[in-house]
Each structure stands twice: as C-alpha cells, then as structure tokens.
Amino acid sequence: MPHPQWRKSSHSTPNGQNCVELADLHGAGRVGIRDSKHPDLAHLSVPRRDLTRFTARIRTGALDL
C-alpha cells in the first residue's frame, strides 16, 4: 500500500500547525484522520461513508448544542 497523502483544510492557520489532516487510505474505502501537530502518532481510520455522514450532519447544524 502506498503511503497516504495527508492534506489539510484550506481553512487551517497560516503555519498549518492547528488542524486535522485527512488521507485516502488507498482502496480500503477508509479515510485516515490525524492531528497535524503529531503526525508520527497513530491516526484514526474510519469508513468513508461514515465520515461523509458525519460532516453532512456538522454542515446542517444537527450536532449543534
């Protein structure tokens, strides 16, 4: 498996130190999620469909308190 290509949000801070990074985990149907401040630590791996549902709920405000 090739190394994941991590990417940051276009909304990250100028120095890029305070953000979450995502990577396609090639062919696994999963997305890796990691903290950009600690790239050498373990990352989360979630099914792409679950991440899509989660971000859709964030956008609609369904998770707002």
PDB file of N, CA and C in Angstrom:
ATOM      1  N   MET A   1       0.848  -1.179   0.000  1.00  0.00           N
ATOM      2  CA  MET A   1       0.000   0.000   0.000  1.00  0.00           C
ATOM      3  C   MET A   1       0.893   1.241   0.000  1.00  0.00           C
ATOM      4  N   PRO A   2       0.617   2.202  -0.891  1.00  0.00           N
ATOM      5  CA  PRO A   2       1.407   3.442  -0.913  1.00  0.00           C
ATOM      6  C   PRO A   2       1.182   4.252   0.356  1.00  0.00           C
ATOM      7  N   HIS A   3       2.128   5.126   0.645  1.00  0.00           N
ATOM      8  CA  HIS A   3       1.974   5.999   1.806  1.00  0.00           C
ATOM      9  C   HIS A   3       0.814   6.958   1.567  1.00  0.00           C
ATOM     10  N   PRO A   4       0.000   7.182   2.587  1.00  0.00           N
ATOM     11  CA  PRO A   4      -1.125   8.118   2.427  1.00  0.00           C
ATOM     12  C   PRO A   4      -0.623   9.531   2.138  1.00  0.00           C
ATOM     13  N   GLN A   5      -1.367  10.249   1.323  1.00  0.00           N
ATOM     14  CA  GLN A   5      -1.079  11.656   1.038  1.00  0.00           C
ATOM     15  C   GLN A   5      -1.987  12.490   1.937  1.00  0.00           C
ATOM     16  N   TRP A   6      -1.424  12.985   3.026  1.00  0.00           N
ATOM     17  CA  TRP A   6      -2.190  13.752   4.002  1.00  0.00           C
ATOM     18  C   TRP A   6      -2.452  15.152   3.467  1.00  0.00           C
ATOM     19  N   ARG A   7      -3.651  15.658   3.731  1.00  0.00           N
ATOM     20  CA  ARG A   7      -3.986  17.021   3.297  1.00  0.00           C
ATOM     21  C   ARG A   7      -4.700  17.762   4.423  1.00  0.00           C
ATOM     22  N   LYS A   8      -4.470  19.073   4.432  1.00  0.00           N
ATOM     23  CA  LYS A   8      -5.045  19.944   5.459  1.00  0.00           C
ATOM     24  C   LYS A   8      -6.166  20.773   4.859  1.00  0.00           C
ATOM     25  N   SER A   9      -7.009  21.251   5.712  1.00  0.00           N
ATOM     26  CA  SER A   9      -8.081  22.141   5.289  1.00  0.00           C
ATOM     27  C   SER A   9      -7.502  23.442   4.750  1.00  0.00           C
ATOM     28  N   SER A  10      -8.195  24.008   3.786  1.00  0.00           N
ATOM     29  CA  SER A  10      -7.784  25.320   3.283  1.00  0.00           C
ATOM     30  C   SER A  10      -8.050  26.397   4.324  1.00  0.00           C
ATOM     31  N   HIS A  11      -8.764  26.046   5.383  1.00  0.00           N
ATOM     32  CA  HIS A  11      -9.065  26.986   6.469  1.00  0.00           C
ATOM     33  C   HIS A  11      -8.070  26.869   7.623  1.00  0.00           C
ATOM     34  N   SER A  12      -7.006  26.106   7.453  1.00  0.00           N
ATOM     35  CA  SER A  12      -6.038  25.939   8.542  1.00  0.00           C
ATOM     36  C   SER A  12      -5.276  27.239   8.779  1.00  0.00           C
ATOM     37  N   THR A  13      -4.634  27.317   9.933  1.00  0.00           N
ATOM     38  CA  THR A  13      -3.873  28.520  10.275  1.00  0.00           C
ATOM     39  C   THR A  13      -2.693  28.676   9.323  1.00  0.00           C
ATOM     40  N   PRO A  14      -2.160  29.893   9.175  1.00  0.00           N
ATOM     41  CA  PRO A  14      -1.059  30.121   8.240  1.00  0.00           C
ATOM     42  C   PRO A  14       0.142  29.186   8.452  1.00  0.00           C
ATOM     43  N   ASN A  15       0.451  28.869   9.712  1.00  0.00           N
ATOM     44  CA  ASN A  15       1.592  27.981   9.936  1.00  0.00           C
ATOM     45  C   ASN A  15       1.190  26.507   9.830  1.00  0.00           C
ATOM     46  N   GLY A  16      -0.118  26.242   9.675  1.00  0.00           N
ATOM     47  CA  GLY A  16      -0.595  24.879   9.457  1.00  0.00           C
ATOM     48  C   GLY A  16      -0.440  23.948  10.644  1.00  0.00           C
ATOM     49  N   GLN A  17      -0.261  24.483  11.831  1.00  0.00           N
ATOM     50  CA  GLN A  17       0.010  23.638  12.994  1.00  0.00           C
ATOM     51  C   GLN A  17      -1.231  23.250  13.779  1.00  0.00           C
ATOM     52  N   ASN A  18      -2.355  23.868  13.532  1.00  0.00           N
ATOM     53  CA  ASN A  18      -3.537  23.611  14.348  1.00  0.00           C
ATOM     54  C   ASN A  18      -4.671  23.069  13.506  1.00  0.00           C
ATOM     55  N   CYS A  19      -4.480  21.914  12.956  1.00  0.00           N
ATOM     56  CA  CYS A  19      -5.559  21.393  12.131  1.00  0.00           C
ATOM     57  C   CYS A  19      -5.546  19.866  12.095  1.00  0.00           C
ATOM     58  N   VAL A  20      -6.621  19.382  11.560  1.00  0.00           N
ATOM     59  CA  VAL A  20      -6.795  17.959  11.345  1.00  0.00           C
ATOM     60  C   VAL A  20      -6.419  17.689   9.899  1.00  0.00           C
ATOM     61  N   GLU A  21      -5.772  16.571   9.658  1.00  0.00           N
ATOM     62  CA  GLU A  21      -5.417  16.184   8.301  1.00  0.00           C
ATOM     63  C   GLU A  21      -6.170  14.907   7.937  1.00  0.00           C
ATOM     64  N   LEU A  22      -6.513  14.794   6.653  1.00  0.00           N
ATOM     65  CA  LEU A  22      -7.200  13.622   6.138  1.00  0.00           C
ATOM     66  C   LEU A  22      -6.371  12.987   5.035  1.00  0.00           C
ATOM     67  N   ALA A  23      -6.534  11.681   4.871  1.00  0.00           N
ATOM     68  CA  ALA A  23      -5.857  10.975   3.778  1.00  0.00           C
ATOM     69  C   ALA A  23      -6.728   9.826   3.310  1.00  0.00           C
ATOM     70  N   ASP A  24      -6.774   9.637   2.001  1.00  0.00           N
ATOM     71  CA  ASP A  24      -7.431   8.479   1.428  1.00  0.00           C
ATOM     72  C   ASP A  24      -6.550   7.272   1.719  1.00  0.00           C
ATOM     73  N   LEU A  25      -7.117   6.240   2.298  1.00  0.00           N
ATOM     74  CA  LEU A  25      -6.349   5.016   2.572  1.00  0.00           C
ATOM     75  C   LEU A  25      -6.599   4.059   1.416  1.00  0.00           C
ATOM     76  N   HIS A  26      -5.904   4.283   0.360  1.00  0.00           N
ATOM     77  CA  HIS A  26      -5.989   3.673  -0.957  1.00  0.00           C
ATOM     78  C   HIS A  26      -6.687   2.322  -1.018  1.00  0.00           C
ATOM     79  N   GLY A  27      -7.834   2.329  -1.664  1.00  0.00           N
ATOM     80  CA  GLY A  27      -8.547   1.106  -1.952  1.00  0.00           C
ATOM     81  C   GLY A  27      -9.236   0.453  -0.771  1.00  0.00           C
ATOM     82  N   ALA A  28      -9.074   1.013   0.407  1.00  0.00           N
ATOM     83  CA  ALA A  28      -9.656   0.392   1.593  1.00  0.00           C
ATOM     84  C   ALA A  28     -11.055   0.923   1.885  1.00  0.00           C
ATOM     85  N   GLY A  29     -11.498   1.953   1.143  1.00  0.00           N
ATOM     86  CA  GLY A  29     -12.790   2.563   1.418  1.00  0.00           C
ATOM     87  C   GLY A  29     -12.796   3.299   2.750  1.00  0.00           C
ATOM     88  N   ARG A  30     -11.607   3.656   3.201  1.00  0.00           N
ATOM     89  CA  ARG A  30     -11.467   4.294   4.507  1.00  0.00           C
ATOM     90  C   ARG A  30     -10.685   5.602   4.361  1.00  0.00           C
ATOM     91  N   VAL A  31     -10.868   6.462   5.356  1.00  0.00           N
ATOM     92  CA  VAL A  31     -10.157   7.739   5.411  1.00  0.00           C
ATOM     93  C   VAL A  31      -9.373   7.779   6.713  1.00  0.00           C
ATOM     94  N   GLY A  32      -8.114   8.208   6.624  1.00  0.00           N
ATOM     95  CA  GLY A  32      -7.293   8.398   7.813  1.00  0.00           C
ATOM     96  C   GLY A  32      -7.477   9.822   8.322  1.00  0.00           C
ATOM     97  N   ILE A  33      -7.489   9.976   9.640  1.00  0.00           N
ATOM     98  CA  ILE A  33      -7.627  11.285  10.280  1.00  0.00           C
ATOM     99  C   ILE A  33      -6.527  11.401  11.324  1.00  0.00           C
ATOM    100  N   ARG A  34      -5.759  12.502  11.279  1.00  0.00           N
ATOM    101  CA  ARG A  34      -4.691  12.689  12.266  1.00  0.00           C
ATOM    102  C   ARG A  34      -4.557  14.151  12.657  1.00  0.00           C
ATOM    103  N   ASP A  35      -3.861  14.370  13.757  1.00  0.00           N
ATOM    104  CA  ASP A  35      -3.569  15.710  14.272  1.00  0.00           C
ATOM    105  C   ASP A  35      -2.269  16.182  13.631  1.00  0.00           C
ATOM    106  N   SER A  36      -2.291  17.334  12.976  1.00  0.00           N
ATOM    107  CA  SER A  36      -1.093  17.816  12.283  1.00  0.00           C
ATOM    108  C   SER A  36       0.058  18.138  13.233  1.00  0.00           C
ATOM    109  N   LYS A  37      -0.255  18.366  14.507  1.00  0.00           N
ATOM    110  CA  LYS A  37       0.809  18.661  15.473  1.00  0.00           C
ATOM    111  C   LYS A  37       1.593  17.407  15.853  1.00  0.00           C
ATOM    112  N   HIS A  38       1.005  16.239  15.614  1.00  0.00           N
ATOM    113  CA  HIS A  38       1.640  14.976  15.997  1.00  0.00           C
ATOM    114  C   HIS A  38       1.527  13.956  14.862  1.00  0.00           C
ATOM    115  N   PRO A  39       2.124  14.244  13.706  1.00  0.00           N
ATOM    116  CA  PRO A  39       1.947  13.365  12.550  1.00  0.00           C
ATOM    117  C   PRO A  39       2.548  11.972  12.711  1.00  0.00           C
ATOM    118  N   ASP A  40       3.453  11.802  13.653  1.00  0.00           N
ATOM    119  CA  ASP A  40       4.080  10.485  13.819  1.00  0.00           C
ATOM    120  C   ASP A  40       3.293   9.563  14.742  1.00  0.00           C
ATOM    121  N   LEU A  41       2.276  10.106  15.400  1.00  0.00           N
ATOM    122  CA  LEU A  41       1.451   9.269  16.274  1.00  0.00           C
ATOM    123  C   LEU A  41       0.395   8.553  15.439  1.00  0.00           C
ATOM    124  N   ALA A  42      -0.307   7.653  16.054  1.00  0.00           N
ATOM    125  CA  ALA A  42      -1.337   6.880  15.361  1.00  0.00           C
ATOM    126  C   ALA A  42      -2.428   7.794  14.817  1.00  0.00           C
ATOM    127  N   HIS A  43      -3.107   7.314  13.800  1.00  0.00           N
ATOM    128  CA  HIS A  43      -4.229   8.054  13.235  1.00  0.00           C
ATOM    129  C   HIS A  43      -5.500   7.211  13.349  1.00  0.00           C
ATOM    130  N   LEU A  44      -6.626   7.869  13.243  1.00  0.00           N
ATOM    131  CA  LEU A  44      -7.905   7.177  13.187  1.00  0.00           C
ATOM    132  C   LEU A  44      -8.147   6.718  11.762  1.00  0.00           C
ATOM    133  N   SER A  45      -8.850   5.649  11.613  1.00  0.00           N
ATOM    134  CA  SER A  45      -9.256   5.160  10.300  1.00  0.00           C
ATOM    135  C   SER A  45     -10.754   4.893  10.362  1.00  0.00           C
ATOM    136  N   VAL A  46     -11.511   5.595   9.510  1.00  0.00           N
ATOM    137  CA  VAL A  46     -12.960   5.455   9.524  1.00  0.00           C
ATOM    138  C   VAL A  46     -13.454   5.155   8.111  1.00  0.00           C
ATOM    139  N   PRO A  47     -14.580   4.449   8.007  1.00  0.00           N
ATOM    140  CA  PRO A  47     -15.158   4.234   6.675  1.00  0.00           C
ATOM    141  C   PRO A  47     -15.524   5.576   6.034  1.00  0.00           C
ATOM    142  N   ARG A  48     -15.237   5.704   4.757  1.00  0.00           N
ATOM    143  CA  ARG A  48     -15.512   6.952   4.037  1.00  0.00           C
ATOM    144  C   ARG A  48     -16.980   7.356   4.184  1.00  0.00           C
ATOM    145  N   ARG A  49     -17.903   6.412   4.082  1.00  0.00           N
ATOM    146  CA  ARG A  49     -19.329   6.742   4.171  1.00  0.00           C
ATOM    147  C   ARG A  49     -19.679   7.336   5.532  1.00  0.00           C
ATOM    148  N   ASP A  50     -19.027   6.847   6.602  1.00  0.00           N
ATOM    149  CA  ASP A  50     -19.304   7.386   7.932  1.00  0.00           C
ATOM    150  C   ASP A  50     -18.789   8.810   8.078  1.00  0.00           C
ATOM    151  N   LEU A  51     -17.615   9.080   7.530  1.00  0.00           N
ATOM    152  CA  LEU A  51     -17.077  10.439   7.574  1.00  0.00           C
ATOM    153  C   LEU A  51     -17.969  11.388   6.771  1.00  0.00           C
ATOM    154  N   THR A  52     -18.445  10.921   5.626  1.00  0.00           N
ATOM    155  CA  THR A  52     -19.342  11.743   4.804  1.00  0.00           C
ATOM    156  C   THR A  52     -20.618  12.071   5.566  1.00  0.00           C
ATOM    157  N   ARG A  53     -21.197  11.094   6.229  1.00  0.00           N
ATOM    158  CA  ARG A  53     -22.414  11.332   7.022  1.00  0.00           C
ATOM    159  C   ARG A  53     -22.142  12.292   8.173  1.00  0.00           C
ATOM    160  N   PHE A  54     -21.014  12.106   8.851  1.00  0.00           N
ATOM    161  CA  PHE A  54     -20.650  12.954   9.979  1.00  0.00           C
ATOM    162  C   PHE A  54     -20.492  14.412   9.548  1.00  0.00           C
ATOM    163  N   THR A  55     -19.736  14.643   8.468  1.00  0.00           N
ATOM    164  CA  THR A  55     -19.522  16.024   8.022  1.00  0.00           C
ATOM    165  C   THR A  55     -20.827  16.644   7.515  1.00  0.00           C
ATOM    166  N   ALA A  56     -21.702  15.849   6.925  1.00  0.00           N
ATOM    167  CA  ALA A  56     -23.008  16.373   6.491  1.00  0.00           C
ATOM    168  C   ALA A  56     -23.818  16.834   7.700  1.00  0.00           C
ATOM    169  N   ARG A  57     -23.777  16.082   8.773  1.00  0.00           N
ATOM    170  CA  ARG A  57     -24.506  16.465   9.987  1.00  0.00           C
ATOM    171  C   ARG A  57     -23.914  17.746  10.592  1.00  0.00           C
ATOM    172  N   ILE A  58     -22.604  17.896  10.529  1.00  0.00           N
ATOM    173  CA  ILE A  58     -21.975  19.130  11.016  1.00  0.00           C
ATOM    174  C   ILE A  58     -22.480  20.308  10.190  1.00  0.00           C
ATOM    175  N   ARG A  59     -22.468  20.167   8.867  1.00  0.00           N
ATOM    176  CA  ARG A  59     -22.871  21.264   7.978  1.00  0.00           C
ATOM    177  C   ARG A  59     -24.322  21.687   8.193  1.00  0.00           C
ATOM    178  N   THR A  60     -25.190  20.741   8.493  1.00  0.00           N
ATOM    179  CA  THR A  60     -26.602  21.070   8.681  1.00  0.00           C
ATOM    180  C   THR A  60     -26.907  21.609  10.078  1.00  0.00           C
ATOM    181  N   GLY A  61     -25.934  21.524  10.989  1.00  0.00           N
ATOM    182  CA  GLY A  61     -26.148  22.003  12.348  1.00  0.00           C
ATOM    183  C   GLY A  61     -26.771  20.960  13.250  1.00  0.00           C
ATOM    184  N   ALA A  62     -26.906  19.733  12.776  1.00  0.00           N
ATOM    185  CA  ALA A  62     -27.551  18.674  13.566  1.00  0.00           C
ATOM    186  C   ALA A  62     -26.821  18.364  14.858  1.00  0.00           C
ATOM    187  N   LEU A  63     -25.544  18.722  14.953  1.00  0.00           N
ATOM    188  CA  LEU A  63     -24.765  18.420  16.161  1.00  0.00           C
ATOM    189  C   LEU A  63     -24.561  19.641  17.045  1.00  0.00           C
ATOM    190  N   ASP A  64     -25.137  20.782  16.650  1.00  0.00           N
ATOM    191  CA  ASP A  64     -25.010  21.992  17.474  1.00  0.00           C
ATOM    192  C   ASP A  64     -25.747  21.808  18.794  1.00  0.00           C
ATOM    193  N   LEU A  65     -25.198  22.394  19.828  1.00  0.00           N
ATOM    194  CA  LEU A  65     -25.860  22.313  21.134  1.00  0.00           C
ATOM    195  C   LEU A  65     -26.911  23.381  21.297  1.00  0.00           C
TER     196      LEU A  65
END
